[in-house]
Amino acid sequence: MIVITTPTGDIGRQVVDRVLEGGEAVRVIARDPSRLPARVRARAEVVQGSHGDPGAVAKALEGADSLFWLVPPAGFHDAVNAKRYYLEFTRSACREAARRDVRVVGVTSLGRGHQGEAGLLSAALAMDELIEASGAAYRALAMPFFMENLLPQAAAIREQGTFSLANAADRPLPTVATRDVASAAASFLLDTSWSGQARVPVAGPDHLTPEAMAEVISGTLGRTVRYRQIPLADFRAAMVRRGASPALAQDMADMVEAQNDGIYDAEPRNPGSATATGFRQWCRASLQPRQQTNSQW
C-alpha cells in the first residue's frame, strides 16, 4: 500500500497518476475528497483529513509500505514562521512512519550545507533533519526553483512581454519541472529495494539566469520578453500589501536572498543526473493559456 499526500496538488496529483499506472494499491489523504478526479476516487482508498493531523496520518499508514510526503503551503495570513510550521506539520507523520517501518519519499529543497537563513528553504531542510532523526527510511528529493513558478505570470509574458521576480538577473537559477519531480517520486514509491536514508537532487539540465530565461522564452514565443528584477525590500512590502503575514513575507524574502546567494549550489549534484525536462521544452509545453498553479520554490 502506497500512501500519497497532497493528491490534488500540482505534484501530488501527478504522483497519484504514475503510481496508479504502476498497478499498486494507493491510499490518499485529502481534506476535500470531492476535489479528487473520479478515476482516482474509483481506484484509490481515501482518508479524509489533513496529513498534518496525527489521527488522519495514523489511519492512513495502517498496513502501508511507503509514504509520499509534501508539506502544503501555510496559509497566506498565517503568522507562524515557516520552520515552525514545517516541523509541527511533519512531526507526527515521521514518528508514525518510523514506528510502522513505512518508507518515506519527501519533497524538499536543494541546499544542505548552506550557511545562513533561507526562509522556506531552511524550513524544508529542517524537516529533513526531523525525519532523519526519527529513523524512518527516507529519500529526500531535493529541488531547486520550480519552472511552474512562472505560470502565474503567463498572461503578462504573452501579452506584455515581461516577467518579474526578486531573483538576481545575472545569477544562475537552477530549475526543475514538476513532472520530473513526480516521476522521481513515483519511481522510489514503486521500488521496494531501497532502504536507509539518502538525498536525491532532482534538477533540470539548464543553469540559466533569469535574463537567459527571458531569451529562451522570447525564442519560444516568437516575441521579445524581458526580465525585470524587483528589489527585495519592494518584494517583501508588496507581499504584505497583498495581505501576507509579516512572517510569510520575511520567509519569502529570506528564501530569495538565499537563492541569490547560491543556496542551490551548496549541495553537490551529479552532472549526469539531470532530469529530462529542459527549460525550453517546458516553455513550449506550458506557456499557453491554461489553469495556473500555486507557486513552489
Protein backbone atom coordinates (compact mmCIF):
# COMPACT_ATOMS: atom_id res chain seq x y z
CA MET A 1 0.00 0.00 0.00
CA ILE A 2 1.37 3.39 -1.06
CA VAL A 3 0.07 6.47 0.76
CA ILE A 4 0.11 9.79 -1.09
CA THR A 5 -0.37 13.22 0.43
CA THR A 6 -1.47 16.38 -1.45
CA PRO A 7 -3.25 14.27 -4.10
CA THR A 8 -4.93 17.32 -5.66
CA GLY A 9 -1.77 19.45 -5.71
CA ASP A 10 0.36 20.11 -8.77
CA ILE A 11 2.93 17.46 -7.81
CA GLY A 12 0.77 15.11 -5.77
CA ARG A 13 -1.84 14.55 -8.49
CA GLN A 14 0.91 13.58 -10.93
CA VAL A 15 2.37 11.17 -8.37
CA VAL A 16 -1.06 9.57 -7.90
CA ASP A 17 -1.45 9.03 -11.65
CA ARG A 18 2.00 7.49 -12.03
CA VAL A 19 1.63 5.15 -9.06
CA LEU A 20 -1.82 4.01 -10.18
CA GLU A 21 -0.33 3.29 -13.61
CA GLY A 22 2.19 1.06 -11.80
CA GLY A 23 -0.64 -1.12 -10.56
CA GLU A 24 0.00 -0.69 -6.84
CA ALA A 25 -2.66 -0.19 -4.17
CA VAL A 26 -2.98 3.51 -3.37
CA ARG A 27 -4.39 5.39 -0.40
CA VAL A 28 -4.63 9.18 -0.46
CA ILE A 29 -5.11 11.72 2.32
CA ALA A 30 -7.36 14.56 1.20
CA ARG A 31 -9.05 17.41 3.05
CA ASP A 32 -11.78 17.54 0.41
CA PRO A 33 -12.25 14.20 -1.39
CA SER A 34 -14.71 15.82 -3.81
CA ARG A 35 -11.74 17.57 -5.46
CA LEU A 36 -10.24 14.22 -6.45
CA PRO A 37 -10.87 13.14 -10.05
CA ALA A 38 -13.48 10.41 -10.40
CA ARG A 39 -10.85 7.99 -11.73
CA VAL A 40 -8.83 8.42 -8.52
CA ARG A 41 -11.85 8.02 -6.22
CA ALA A 42 -12.69 4.83 -8.09
CA ARG A 43 -9.26 3.25 -7.74
CA ALA A 44 -7.74 4.61 -4.51
CA GLU A 45 -8.72 4.45 -0.86
CA VAL A 46 -9.39 7.89 0.58
CA VAL A 47 -8.70 9.07 4.10
CA GLN A 48 -10.41 12.40 4.66
CA GLY A 49 -8.45 14.96 6.65
CA SER A 50 -5.17 16.80 6.84
CA HIS A 51 -1.90 14.89 6.74
CA GLY A 52 -0.76 17.26 9.48
CA ASP A 53 -3.35 15.66 11.79
CA PRO A 54 -1.94 12.75 13.85
CA GLY A 55 -5.21 10.81 13.69
CA ALA A 56 -5.52 11.05 9.92
CA VAL A 57 -1.89 10.05 9.41
CA ALA A 58 -2.15 7.07 11.77
CA LYS A 59 -5.25 5.85 9.94
CA ALA A 60 -3.66 6.32 6.52
CA LEU A 61 -0.45 4.47 7.44
CA GLU A 62 -2.17 1.31 8.70
CA GLY A 63 -0.70 -1.51 6.63
CA ALA A 64 1.23 0.90 4.41
CA ASP A 65 4.62 0.25 2.83
CA SER A 66 5.58 3.74 1.70
CA LEU A 67 4.51 7.36 2.01
CA PHE A 68 4.80 10.31 -0.36
CA TRP A 69 5.31 13.39 1.82
CA LEU A 70 4.89 17.01 0.79
CA VAL A 71 4.12 19.82 3.23
CA PRO A 72 1.40 22.08 1.77
CA PRO A 73 1.85 25.86 1.78
CA ALA A 74 0.96 27.62 5.00
CA GLY A 75 -1.98 29.99 4.95
CA PHE A 76 -1.26 33.36 3.34
CA HIS A 77 -2.22 35.13 6.56
CA ASP A 78 -0.63 32.62 8.95
CA ALA A 79 1.66 34.43 11.39
CA VAL A 80 3.78 31.35 12.24
CA ASN A 81 7.22 31.22 10.66
CA ALA A 82 7.97 28.58 8.05
CA LYS A 83 10.36 26.45 10.09
CA ARG A 84 7.93 26.05 12.97
CA TYR A 85 5.11 25.29 10.53
CA TYR A 86 7.08 22.59 8.67
CA LEU A 87 8.25 20.90 11.85
CA GLU A 88 4.86 20.92 13.55
CA PHE A 89 3.18 19.64 10.40
CA THR A 90 5.68 16.78 9.93
CA ARG A 91 6.42 15.63 13.48
CA SER A 92 3.55 13.14 13.93
CA ALA A 93 3.89 11.67 10.45
CA CYS A 94 7.61 10.89 10.69
CA ARG A 95 7.19 9.29 14.11
CA GLU A 96 4.32 7.17 12.83
CA ALA A 97 6.25 6.19 9.71
CA ALA A 98 9.28 5.15 11.77
CA ARG A 99 7.12 3.16 14.19
CA ARG A 100 5.43 1.27 11.36
CA ASP A 101 8.57 0.85 9.17
CA VAL A 102 6.97 2.89 6.40
CA ARG A 103 9.47 4.28 3.92
CA VAL A 104 9.11 8.00 3.19
CA VAL A 105 9.71 9.78 -0.11
CA GLY A 106 9.64 13.54 0.52
CA VAL A 107 9.87 16.74 -1.47
CA THR A 108 12.41 19.15 -0.04
CA SER A 109 14.90 21.81 -1.16
CA LEU A 110 18.40 21.66 -2.52
CA GLY A 111 20.88 23.49 -0.38
CA ARG A 112 22.01 21.35 2.53
CA GLY A 113 25.24 22.90 3.74
CA HIS A 114 24.21 26.48 3.01
CA GLN A 115 25.15 28.86 5.80
CA GLY A 116 22.55 31.40 6.83
CA GLU A 117 18.80 31.82 6.96
CA ALA A 118 16.85 30.78 3.86
CA GLY A 119 13.21 31.10 4.89
CA LEU A 120 11.07 28.38 3.29
CA LEU A 121 14.17 26.52 2.16
CA SER A 122 15.58 26.41 5.70
CA ALA A 123 12.22 25.07 6.84
CA ALA A 124 12.35 22.23 4.31
CA LEU A 125 15.92 21.36 5.28
CA ALA A 126 14.95 21.33 8.97
CA MET A 127 12.10 18.97 8.06
CA ASP A 128 14.64 16.58 6.53
CA GLU A 129 16.64 16.54 9.74
CA LEU A 130 13.48 15.79 11.73
CA ILE A 131 12.54 12.86 9.50
CA GLU A 132 16.08 11.50 9.53
CA ALA A 133 16.25 11.74 13.32
CA SER A 134 13.09 9.62 13.59
CA GLY A 135 14.94 6.70 11.99
CA ALA A 136 12.47 6.31 9.12
CA ALA A 137 13.82 5.15 5.78
CA TYR A 138 13.88 8.31 3.70
CA ARG A 139 14.57 9.54 0.22
CA ALA A 140 14.73 13.34 0.23
CA LEU A 141 14.03 14.60 -3.30
CA ALA A 142 15.92 17.89 -3.23
CA MET A 143 14.59 20.56 -5.59
CA PRO A 144 15.69 23.95 -6.90
CA PHE A 145 13.32 26.61 -8.33
CA PHE A 146 10.16 25.17 -9.91
CA MET A 147 9.58 26.19 -13.52
CA GLU A 148 5.88 26.32 -12.69
CA ASN A 149 6.54 29.36 -10.50
CA LEU A 150 6.38 31.33 -13.76
CA LEU A 151 2.84 30.22 -14.61
CA PRO A 152 1.07 32.96 -12.62
CA GLN A 153 2.82 35.42 -14.95
CA ALA A 154 1.97 33.56 -18.16
CA ALA A 155 -0.53 36.20 -19.29
CA ALA A 156 1.94 39.04 -18.66
CA ILE A 157 4.62 37.12 -20.52
CA ARG A 158 2.41 36.58 -23.56
CA GLU A 159 0.61 39.92 -23.60
CA GLN A 160 3.11 42.39 -22.13
CA GLY A 161 6.40 40.68 -22.92
CA THR A 162 7.70 40.79 -19.36
CA PHE A 163 8.03 38.78 -16.17
CA SER A 164 9.48 39.75 -12.81
CA LEU A 165 10.98 38.14 -9.74
CA ALA A 166 13.18 39.33 -6.91
CA ASN A 167 15.92 36.97 -8.05
CA ALA A 168 19.16 38.49 -9.33
CA ALA A 169 19.01 38.98 -13.10
CA ASP A 170 22.55 37.70 -13.67
CA ARG A 171 22.67 34.86 -11.11
CA PRO A 172 22.08 31.33 -12.47
CA LEU A 173 18.90 29.85 -11.03
CA PRO A 174 18.67 26.06 -11.35
CA THR A 175 15.17 24.87 -12.19
CA VAL A 176 13.04 21.73 -12.30
CA ALA A 177 9.66 20.81 -13.79
CA THR A 178 7.04 19.28 -11.51
CA ARG A 179 6.53 16.42 -13.96
CA ASP A 180 10.11 15.30 -13.27
CA VAL A 181 9.62 15.60 -9.52
CA ALA A 182 6.54 13.39 -9.76
CA SER A 183 8.37 10.89 -11.92
CA ALA A 184 11.25 10.63 -9.44
CA ALA A 185 8.85 10.26 -6.52
CA ALA A 186 6.82 7.55 -8.22
CA SER A 187 9.97 5.62 -9.09
CA PHE A 188 11.01 5.43 -5.44
CA LEU A 189 7.50 4.68 -4.24
CA LEU A 190 7.21 1.75 -6.66
CA ASP A 191 10.73 0.45 -5.96
CA THR A 192 10.74 -1.90 -2.97
CA SER A 193 14.51 -2.48 -2.93
CA TRP A 194 15.82 0.64 -1.20
CA SER A 195 16.34 1.29 2.50
CA GLY A 196 18.19 3.72 4.74
CA GLN A 197 18.37 7.46 4.19
CA ALA A 198 19.70 9.46 1.26
CA ARG A 199 19.29 12.78 -0.51
CA VAL A 200 18.46 12.74 -4.22
CA PRO A 201 18.99 16.06 -6.04
CA VAL A 202 16.36 16.49 -8.75
CA ALA A 203 17.19 19.38 -11.09
CA GLY A 204 16.83 20.12 -14.78
CA PRO A 205 19.70 20.24 -17.28
CA ASP A 206 19.81 24.05 -17.52
CA HIS A 207 21.65 26.58 -15.37
CA LEU A 208 20.10 29.79 -16.69
CA THR A 209 19.99 33.25 -15.22
CA PRO A 210 16.56 34.96 -15.25
CA GLU A 211 17.80 37.12 -18.11
CA ALA A 212 18.74 33.99 -20.04
CA MET A 213 15.33 32.53 -19.26
CA ALA A 214 13.80 35.61 -20.86
CA GLU A 215 15.83 34.94 -24.01
CA VAL A 216 14.61 31.33 -24.13
CA ILE A 217 11.01 32.43 -23.62
CA SER A 218 11.43 35.04 -26.36
CA GLY A 219 12.64 32.43 -28.81
CA THR A 220 9.85 30.05 -27.82
CA LEU A 221 7.01 32.55 -28.16
CA GLY A 222 8.44 34.46 -31.10
CA ARG A 223 8.31 37.83 -29.38
CA THR A 224 10.65 39.81 -27.14
CA VAL A 225 10.23 39.01 -23.46
CA ARG A 226 12.23 40.92 -20.86
CA TYR A 227 13.05 40.18 -17.25
CA ARG A 228 12.52 42.80 -14.55
CA GLN A 229 14.20 42.34 -11.18
CA ILE A 230 12.17 43.57 -8.19
CA PRO A 231 14.22 44.97 -5.27
CA LEU A 232 13.99 42.59 -2.35
CA ALA A 233 12.56 45.23 0.02
CA ASP A 234 9.86 46.07 -2.54
CA PHE A 235 9.08 42.38 -2.95
CA ARG A 236 8.58 41.93 0.79
CA ALA A 237 6.50 45.09 1.12
CA ALA A 238 4.28 44.10 -1.83
CA MET A 239 3.51 40.76 -0.20
CA VAL A 240 2.40 42.49 3.00
CA ARG A 241 0.23 44.91 0.99
CA ARG A 242 -1.47 41.91 -0.63
CA GLY A 243 -2.32 40.57 2.82
CA ALA A 244 0.55 38.21 3.59
CA SER A 245 1.61 37.95 7.19
CA PRO A 246 4.93 39.65 8.02
CA ALA A 247 6.30 36.20 8.89
CA LEU A 248 5.49 34.79 5.46
CA ALA A 249 6.80 37.89 3.68
CA GLN A 250 10.09 37.63 5.58
CA ASP A 251 10.40 33.89 4.91
CA MET A 252 9.86 34.50 1.20
CA ALA A 253 12.40 37.33 1.16
CA ASP A 254 14.94 35.19 3.03
CA MET A 255 14.39 32.41 0.50
CA VAL A 256 15.07 34.70 -2.45
CA GLU A 257 18.13 36.18 -0.77
CA ALA A 258 19.49 32.66 -0.26
CA GLN A 259 18.76 31.81 -3.91
CA ASN A 260 20.69 34.91 -4.91
CA ASP A 261 23.50 33.74 -2.63
CA GLY A 262 23.71 30.39 -4.45
CA ILE A 263 22.00 28.08 -1.96
CA TYR A 264 21.19 25.51 -4.64
CA ASP A 265 24.88 25.17 -5.46
CA ALA A 266 25.76 24.38 -1.84
CA GLU A 267 24.71 20.76 -2.32
CA PRO A 268 26.70 18.59 -4.76
CA ARG A 269 24.86 17.28 -7.84
CA ASN A 270 25.98 14.65 -10.29
CA PRO A 271 26.03 16.33 -13.74
CA GLY A 272 24.77 13.08 -15.27
CA SER A 273 21.66 13.00 -13.08
CA ALA A 274 19.85 15.94 -14.67
CA THR A 275 16.14 15.42 -15.21
CA ALA A 276 14.55 15.05 -18.62
CA THR A 277 12.74 18.36 -18.99
CA GLY A 278 14.76 21.36 -20.10
CA PHE A 279 13.54 24.92 -19.69
CA ARG A 280 12.95 25.43 -23.42
CA GLN A 281 10.90 22.23 -23.62
CA TRP A 282 8.86 23.29 -20.61
CA CYS A 283 8.18 26.72 -22.12
CA ARG A 284 6.91 25.16 -25.35
CA ALA A 285 4.52 22.93 -23.43
CA SER A 286 3.42 25.29 -20.66
CA LEU A 287 3.39 28.95 -21.61
CA GLN A 288 0.00 28.77 -23.24
CA PRO A 289 -3.40 29.74 -21.73
CA ARG A 290 -4.15 27.19 -19.05
CA GLN A 291 -5.14 26.88 -15.41
CA GLN A 292 -2.46 28.40 -13.19
CA THR A 293 -0.89 26.55 -10.29
CA ASN A 294 0.39 27.65 -6.91
CA SER A 295 3.98 28.76 -6.62
CA GLN A 296 6.51 26.46 -5.02
CA TRP A 297 10.18 27.21 -4.54
